[in-house]
């Protein structure tokens, strides 16, 4: 990952991103982690969360909402097959997250 990605995040989001990256990069099933959403685009508002797309070898798809160091985080945990399905269906949210997400971790 380009280390300047994390430097571009506001400090609370940076700390949350570091915690999420530490958690998911340690998992053997995780292929990649993308930081995405309004925070990474520099368009965060007072209610913005940090969106995280986790590409995993696991066949499951999971969406988790959590708070990390006081920052709301939304984790989208998907296999390559689910990711391809979302993109083929024209899912605009998935297309934006995957297309514009910052590659924070790649195995």
N, C-alpha and C. Protein backbone atom coordinates (compact mmCIF):
# COMPACT_ATOMS: atom_id res chain seq x y z
N UNK A 1 0.83 -1.19 0.00
CA UNK A 1 0.00 0.00 0.00
C UNK A 1 0.87 1.24 0.00
N UNK A 2 0.42 2.23 -0.70
CA UNK A 2 1.07 3.53 -0.67
C UNK A 2 0.83 4.12 0.73
N UNK A 3 1.89 4.34 1.52
CA UNK A 3 1.69 4.82 2.90
C UNK A 3 1.02 6.18 2.97
N UNK A 4 1.03 6.93 1.89
CA UNK A 4 0.39 8.24 1.94
C UNK A 4 -1.13 8.13 1.98
N UNK A 5 -1.69 6.96 1.63
CA UNK A 5 -3.14 6.79 1.74
C UNK A 5 -3.60 7.05 3.16
N UNK A 6 -2.97 6.40 4.12
CA UNK A 6 -3.38 6.60 5.51
C UNK A 6 -3.12 8.03 5.95
N UNK A 7 -2.03 8.62 5.48
CA UNK A 7 -1.72 10.00 5.85
C UNK A 7 -2.78 10.98 5.36
N UNK A 8 -3.51 10.62 4.32
CA UNK A 8 -4.55 11.49 3.77
C UNK A 8 -5.83 11.48 4.59
N UNK A 9 -6.00 10.47 5.42
CA UNK A 9 -7.20 10.37 6.24
C UNK A 9 -7.14 11.30 7.44
N UNK A 10 -8.28 11.88 7.84
CA UNK A 10 -8.30 12.64 9.09
C UNK A 10 -7.88 11.72 10.24
N UNK A 11 -7.20 12.26 11.27
CA UNK A 11 -6.64 11.42 12.34
C UNK A 11 -7.58 10.37 12.93
N UNK A 12 -8.83 10.67 13.28
CA UNK A 12 -9.65 9.59 13.85
C UNK A 12 -9.88 8.44 12.87
N UNK A 13 -10.08 8.77 11.60
CA UNK A 13 -10.29 7.75 10.58
C UNK A 13 -9.00 6.97 10.33
N UNK A 14 -7.88 7.65 10.42
CA UNK A 14 -6.58 6.99 10.23
C UNK A 14 -6.38 5.91 11.29
N UNK A 15 -6.67 6.25 12.54
CA UNK A 15 -6.51 5.27 13.63
C UNK A 15 -7.46 4.08 13.43
N UNK A 16 -8.69 4.36 13.03
CA UNK A 16 -9.66 3.28 12.79
C UNK A 16 -9.19 2.41 11.64
N UNK A 17 -8.70 3.02 10.56
CA UNK A 17 -8.21 2.26 9.41
C UNK A 17 -7.04 1.38 9.80
N UNK A 18 -6.13 1.90 10.61
CA UNK A 18 -4.98 1.10 11.05
C UNK A 18 -5.44 -0.11 11.85
N UNK A 19 -6.43 0.08 12.71
CA UNK A 19 -6.94 -1.03 13.52
C UNK A 19 -7.62 -2.08 12.64
N UNK A 20 -8.42 -1.63 11.69
CA UNK A 20 -9.09 -2.56 10.77
C UNK A 20 -8.07 -3.32 9.93
N UNK A 21 -7.07 -2.62 9.42
CA UNK A 21 -6.03 -3.27 8.62
C UNK A 21 -5.27 -4.30 9.42
N UNK A 22 -4.96 -3.98 10.66
CA UNK A 22 -4.25 -4.94 11.51
C UNK A 22 -5.09 -6.20 11.70
N UNK A 23 -6.39 -6.02 11.90
CA UNK A 23 -7.27 -7.16 12.13
C UNK A 23 -7.41 -8.03 10.87
N UNK A 24 -7.71 -7.41 9.75
CA UNK A 24 -8.01 -8.21 8.56
C UNK A 24 -6.76 -8.69 7.83
N UNK A 25 -5.69 -7.96 7.85
CA UNK A 25 -4.48 -8.42 7.15
C UNK A 25 -3.87 -9.65 7.83
N UNK A 26 -4.22 -9.88 9.09
CA UNK A 26 -3.71 -11.04 9.82
C UNK A 26 -4.49 -12.32 9.50
N UNK A 27 -5.61 -12.18 8.84
CA UNK A 27 -6.45 -13.35 8.55
C UNK A 27 -5.97 -14.05 7.28
N UNK A 28 -5.78 -15.36 7.33
CA UNK A 28 -5.25 -16.07 6.16
C UNK A 28 -6.21 -16.11 4.97
N UNK A 29 -7.50 -15.89 5.18
CA UNK A 29 -8.46 -15.93 4.08
C UNK A 29 -8.60 -14.59 3.35
N UNK A 30 -8.01 -13.54 3.90
CA UNK A 30 -8.17 -12.21 3.30
C UNK A 30 -7.16 -12.01 2.17
N UNK A 31 -7.68 -11.66 1.00
CA UNK A 31 -6.86 -11.41 -0.18
C UNK A 31 -6.48 -9.94 -0.31
N UNK A 32 -7.41 -9.06 0.04
CA UNK A 32 -7.16 -7.62 -0.11
C UNK A 32 -8.13 -6.84 0.76
N UNK A 33 -7.72 -5.61 1.10
CA UNK A 33 -8.57 -4.69 1.85
C UNK A 33 -8.51 -3.34 1.13
N UNK A 34 -9.69 -2.82 0.81
CA UNK A 34 -9.78 -1.50 0.18
C UNK A 34 -10.46 -0.54 1.15
N UNK A 35 -9.86 0.63 1.33
CA UNK A 35 -10.51 1.70 2.07
C UNK A 35 -11.27 2.52 1.05
N UNK A 36 -12.51 2.86 1.34
CA UNK A 36 -13.34 3.47 0.32
C UNK A 36 -14.39 4.38 0.93
N UNK A 37 -15.16 5.02 0.11
CA UNK A 37 -16.26 5.87 0.57
C UNK A 37 -15.90 7.33 0.63
N UNK A 38 -16.80 8.10 1.20
CA UNK A 38 -16.66 9.57 1.23
C UNK A 38 -15.41 10.02 1.98
N UNK A 39 -15.00 9.26 2.97
CA UNK A 39 -13.81 9.63 3.74
C UNK A 39 -12.57 9.62 2.85
N UNK A 40 -12.44 8.59 2.02
CA UNK A 40 -11.26 8.49 1.15
C UNK A 40 -11.33 9.50 0.00
N UNK A 41 -12.52 9.94 -0.33
CA UNK A 41 -12.66 10.95 -1.39
C UNK A 41 -12.51 12.38 -0.87
N UNK A 42 -12.31 12.53 0.44
CA UNK A 42 -12.18 13.86 1.02
C UNK A 42 -13.51 14.58 1.11
N UNK A 43 -14.61 13.83 1.12
CA UNK A 43 -15.95 14.41 1.16
C UNK A 43 -16.71 14.04 2.43
N UNK A 44 -15.98 13.67 3.46
CA UNK A 44 -16.63 13.22 4.69
C UNK A 44 -17.37 14.36 5.37
N UNK A 45 -18.54 14.02 5.88
CA UNK A 45 -19.32 14.94 6.68
C UNK A 45 -19.30 14.48 8.13
N UNK A 46 -20.01 15.17 8.99
CA UNK A 46 -19.98 14.80 10.42
C UNK A 46 -20.55 13.42 10.71
N UNK A 47 -21.35 12.87 9.83
CA UNK A 47 -21.95 11.54 10.06
C UNK A 47 -21.30 10.45 9.21
N UNK A 48 -20.19 10.75 8.55
CA UNK A 48 -19.56 9.78 7.65
C UNK A 48 -18.91 8.63 8.41
N UNK A 49 -19.02 7.46 7.80
CA UNK A 49 -18.32 6.29 8.34
C UNK A 49 -17.16 5.96 7.41
N UNK A 50 -16.31 5.07 7.86
CA UNK A 50 -15.22 4.57 7.03
C UNK A 50 -15.71 3.28 6.39
N UNK A 51 -15.75 3.25 5.08
CA UNK A 51 -16.16 2.05 4.37
C UNK A 51 -14.94 1.22 4.02
N UNK A 52 -15.07 -0.10 4.20
CA UNK A 52 -13.95 -1.02 3.97
C UNK A 52 -14.47 -2.22 3.17
N UNK A 53 -13.86 -2.46 2.02
CA UNK A 53 -14.20 -3.63 1.20
C UNK A 53 -13.12 -4.67 1.43
N UNK A 54 -13.50 -5.83 1.97
CA UNK A 54 -12.55 -6.91 2.24
C UNK A 54 -12.81 -8.02 1.22
N UNK A 55 -11.81 -8.34 0.44
CA UNK A 55 -11.90 -9.42 -0.53
C UNK A 55 -11.33 -10.67 0.14
N UNK A 56 -12.12 -11.73 0.20
CA UNK A 56 -11.75 -12.91 0.96
C UNK A 56 -11.93 -14.19 0.15
N UNK A 57 -11.18 -15.20 0.50
CA UNK A 57 -11.35 -16.52 -0.10
C UNK A 57 -12.58 -17.22 0.43
N UNK A 58 -13.09 -16.79 1.57
CA UNK A 58 -14.27 -17.41 2.17
C UNK A 58 -15.48 -17.19 1.25
N UNK A 59 -16.35 -18.19 1.12
CA UNK A 59 -17.50 -18.05 0.23
C UNK A 59 -18.59 -17.12 0.77
N UNK A 60 -18.53 -16.80 2.04
CA UNK A 60 -19.56 -15.98 2.67
C UNK A 60 -19.45 -14.52 2.26
N UNK A 61 -20.56 -13.84 2.40
CA UNK A 61 -20.53 -12.38 2.29
C UNK A 61 -21.14 -11.86 3.58
N UNK A 62 -20.46 -10.92 4.15
CA UNK A 62 -20.86 -10.40 5.46
C UNK A 62 -20.76 -8.88 5.41
N UNK A 63 -21.73 -8.23 6.02
CA UNK A 63 -21.67 -6.78 6.18
C UNK A 63 -21.70 -6.50 7.68
N UNK A 64 -20.68 -5.80 8.15
CA UNK A 64 -20.57 -5.50 9.58
C UNK A 64 -20.56 -4.00 9.79
N UNK A 65 -21.32 -3.56 10.75
CA UNK A 65 -21.28 -2.17 11.20
C UNK A 65 -20.69 -2.17 12.60
N UNK A 66 -19.64 -1.41 12.79
CA UNK A 66 -19.00 -1.37 14.10
C UNK A 66 -18.43 0.02 14.36
N UNK A 67 -17.98 0.22 15.56
CA UNK A 67 -17.33 1.47 15.94
C UNK A 67 -15.92 1.12 16.39
N UNK A 68 -14.93 1.77 15.76
CA UNK A 68 -13.52 1.52 16.06
C UNK A 68 -12.91 2.84 16.51
N UNK A 69 -12.47 2.89 17.75
CA UNK A 69 -11.88 4.12 18.31
C UNK A 69 -12.80 5.32 18.11
N UNK A 70 -14.10 5.11 18.29
CA UNK A 70 -15.07 6.19 18.18
C UNK A 70 -15.51 6.50 16.76
N UNK A 71 -15.00 5.78 15.78
CA UNK A 71 -15.33 6.04 14.37
C UNK A 71 -16.25 4.93 13.86
N UNK A 72 -17.39 5.30 13.26
CA UNK A 72 -18.23 4.26 12.65
C UNK A 72 -17.55 3.68 11.42
N UNK A 73 -17.58 2.35 11.34
CA UNK A 73 -16.94 1.63 10.23
C UNK A 73 -17.94 0.64 9.66
N UNK A 74 -18.01 0.60 8.34
CA UNK A 74 -18.86 -0.37 7.65
C UNK A 74 -17.94 -1.28 6.85
N UNK A 75 -17.98 -2.58 7.16
CA UNK A 75 -17.11 -3.55 6.50
C UNK A 75 -17.96 -4.41 5.57
N UNK A 76 -17.55 -4.48 4.31
CA UNK A 76 -18.20 -5.31 3.30
C UNK A 76 -17.22 -6.44 2.98
N UNK A 77 -17.55 -7.64 3.41
CA UNK A 77 -16.67 -8.81 3.35
C UNK A 77 -17.21 -9.72 2.25
N UNK A 78 -16.47 -9.83 1.14
CA UNK A 78 -16.98 -10.54 -0.04
C UNK A 78 -15.90 -11.38 -0.71
N UNK A 79 -16.34 -12.49 -1.27
CA UNK A 79 -15.44 -13.33 -2.07
C UNK A 79 -15.28 -12.73 -3.45
N UNK A 80 -14.28 -13.19 -4.22
CA UNK A 80 -14.17 -12.73 -5.61
C UNK A 80 -15.44 -13.02 -6.42
N UNK A 81 -16.08 -14.17 -6.16
CA UNK A 81 -17.30 -14.53 -6.90
C UNK A 81 -18.42 -13.54 -6.59
N UNK A 82 -18.60 -13.21 -5.31
CA UNK A 82 -19.64 -12.23 -4.95
C UNK A 82 -19.30 -10.86 -5.51
N UNK A 83 -18.04 -10.49 -5.46
CA UNK A 83 -17.62 -9.20 -6.00
C UNK A 83 -17.92 -9.14 -7.49
N UNK A 84 -17.58 -10.20 -8.22
CA UNK A 84 -17.85 -10.25 -9.66
C UNK A 84 -19.35 -10.17 -9.93
N UNK A 85 -20.13 -10.83 -9.10
CA UNK A 85 -21.58 -10.81 -9.27
C UNK A 85 -22.13 -9.39 -9.08
N UNK A 86 -21.69 -8.71 -8.04
CA UNK A 86 -22.12 -7.32 -7.81
C UNK A 86 -21.78 -6.44 -9.01
N UNK A 87 -20.56 -6.58 -9.51
CA UNK A 87 -20.12 -5.75 -10.63
C UNK A 87 -20.89 -6.09 -11.91
N UNK A 88 -21.13 -7.38 -12.17
CA UNK A 88 -21.88 -7.80 -13.35
C UNK A 88 -23.33 -7.31 -13.31
N UNK A 89 -23.88 -7.21 -12.10
CA UNK A 89 -25.25 -6.74 -11.95
C UNK A 89 -25.35 -5.22 -12.02
N UNK A 90 -24.20 -4.56 -12.09
CA UNK A 90 -24.22 -3.10 -12.15
C UNK A 90 -24.51 -2.45 -10.82
N UNK A 91 -24.19 -3.12 -9.73
CA UNK A 91 -24.39 -2.55 -8.39
C UNK A 91 -23.50 -1.33 -8.25
N UNK A 92 -24.10 -0.16 -8.29
CA UNK A 92 -23.35 1.10 -8.30
C UNK A 92 -22.50 1.27 -7.04
N UNK A 93 -23.04 0.90 -5.89
CA UNK A 93 -22.27 1.03 -4.66
C UNK A 93 -21.01 0.18 -4.70
N UNK A 94 -21.17 -1.09 -5.11
CA UNK A 94 -20.02 -1.99 -5.20
C UNK A 94 -19.03 -1.48 -6.25
N UNK A 95 -19.55 -1.00 -7.37
CA UNK A 95 -18.67 -0.49 -8.43
C UNK A 95 -17.84 0.68 -7.92
N UNK A 96 -18.46 1.59 -7.18
CA UNK A 96 -17.73 2.72 -6.63
C UNK A 96 -16.71 2.29 -5.59
N UNK A 97 -17.10 1.38 -4.70
CA UNK A 97 -16.18 0.94 -3.65
C UNK A 97 -14.96 0.23 -4.24
N UNK A 98 -15.21 -0.70 -5.16
CA UNK A 98 -14.12 -1.47 -5.74
C UNK A 98 -13.32 -0.62 -6.73
N UNK A 99 -14.01 0.19 -7.51
CA UNK A 99 -13.33 0.98 -8.53
C UNK A 99 -12.51 2.14 -8.01
N UNK A 100 -12.98 2.74 -6.92
CA UNK A 100 -12.30 3.92 -6.40
C UNK A 100 -11.64 3.70 -5.04
N UNK A 101 -11.74 2.48 -4.52
CA UNK A 101 -11.15 2.20 -3.21
C UNK A 101 -9.64 2.23 -3.23
N UNK A 102 -9.09 2.59 -2.12
CA UNK A 102 -7.63 2.61 -1.96
C UNK A 102 -7.17 1.21 -1.57
N UNK A 103 -6.23 0.60 -2.28
CA UNK A 103 -5.75 -0.73 -1.90
C UNK A 103 -4.85 -0.61 -0.66
N UNK A 104 -5.42 -0.87 0.49
CA UNK A 104 -4.69 -0.71 1.75
C UNK A 104 -3.89 -1.97 2.10
N UNK A 105 -4.34 -3.12 1.62
CA UNK A 105 -3.63 -4.37 1.87
C UNK A 105 -3.89 -5.29 0.69
N UNK A 106 -2.84 -5.91 0.17
CA UNK A 106 -2.98 -6.94 -0.86
C UNK A 106 -2.03 -8.07 -0.48
N UNK A 107 -2.61 -9.27 -0.37
CA UNK A 107 -1.80 -10.43 0.00
C UNK A 107 -0.95 -10.85 -1.17
